[in-house]
Amino acid sequence: MAGPRRFFYRYLGSRMMISIIFNAFTVYFLWKIVVGYHSVFLAGMIATIALAVALVTAVPVGHLIDRLNSTIVSLLASLISLAGVCLLLFSSNLNIIYTVSGFLALSFTMKGDSFSAIMKKHLKEENYASGNSLSQAASFLSTLGGIALGGIAISHLEPYFVYSLLSIAVASGLTSLPMPEASSRDLNSKASSEIASAIGFYRKILGFIAVAFVLNGLFESLDVYSSGLFHLVLNASSIYYTLFVASISVGGIAGAGLASLVRERINNPVMLSLLVLCYAPLFMILGVSPSPLIDIVDGTLVGILLSVINVPLQTKLMKIIPNRIYGKVMAFLRVFLSGATPAMAAVLSFVSIFLRVDLIFLYIGIIMLPVSALSFVVLPKFFSMAANYEGNTSAKLTT
């Protein structure tokens, strides 16, 4: 079986560069704000703003992807990232940091969604699984690269940090030059009918999305609290903080490879539900662990779970979403999957004023137990829907 073609790796590399910029910026300024202002709340606003921008722009970006060549949208994403980083040449006060966070969040959203559409439109269906495995591994690898760049810049590369981001943004633009793409939509179709079709599809998987909605919101605690956990609770250096954030990506890379090896064994709702249930105890460990090294190991396990669970689910979604509404459906999914996170980031930042972050992690793990248990109900329905679609597709091919 042939793997993804050469164009796939070019656009994948461009997306990785935008991820490096976004994550390096986030890690660097989260730590700088916590140390400079002694405030988890002010640091948490970076995540709040970034997630709010991603949420608000998801539907317009999805509409653009359905209406335009998705490779053009990918190039626009790189240019927006370049414009945002340029602002840091003039100042790095809080207002500028928050503004750049919005620019980079928009770029990150456009690049990720357009790359997903490029996979859907240009890869053969039998390559979806391998493409998603590579995409998942690359996502964590680029996150790791961004974390490393941001972490090293905190203590060693501060004078060159912004120029490094500028260089990466330019390279991302050069590797995302557009290519021809056949339109997958009816030229006479109206946006309103396409949106209605996307909403109709979404309603079929509402239970699945509801569980993911809550879990995604709770996962935002990792972004909001990690710097505070290591600096204020564990009294650990920035090295341990960087290693913890990086550990999730390291686990994700390993998990992407593992997902390919155990694809047949985990491709059933019961096994995946059991894996989802494992999130709860891992968050509890963050709340009770006295050692940064234990937390780093715990973060690695979280990353492994994320990839092993996400690869089969993303592959099924890519197969069953119709081409003509793919951008809009993914946009609605982003809205609902990320809908909890901007508010949750603000809530978590506020709660940190009253409670130690280690206690909050413990409470989050407890809350995750009943929520993740719902996957035993919703995943079988999702798998049944996917099986019906695949069966109908096979029937059409044989007639």
Foldseek 3Di string as FASTA:
>chain_A
DDADDPLLVLLLLLLLLLLLLLLLLLLQVLLVCCVVVVALLLSLLLQLLLLVLLQVCQQVLLVCLLVDPLLVLLLVLLVLLLVLLVLVVPHDDSVSSSVSSNSSSVSNNSSVLSSLLCCLQPPDLVNLLVSLLVSQLSSLVSSLNSLVLNLCCNPPVVVCSSVVSNVSSVSSNVSSPDDDGDRQADPPDDPVVLLVVLVVVCVLQVLVLQLLQVVLQLVLLCSSCLSVCQCPPLVHDSVLSSLQSSLLSLLQNVLSVVLVVCVPVCLALVNLLVLLLVVLVLLLCLLPPNDSVVSSVSSSSNNNSVNNNPSSVSSLVSVQDRSSNSSNNVSVSSNSSSVSHSVSSNVSSVVVVPDPSSVVSNVSSVVSNVSSNCSSVSVNSVVVVSVVRVVVVVVVVVD
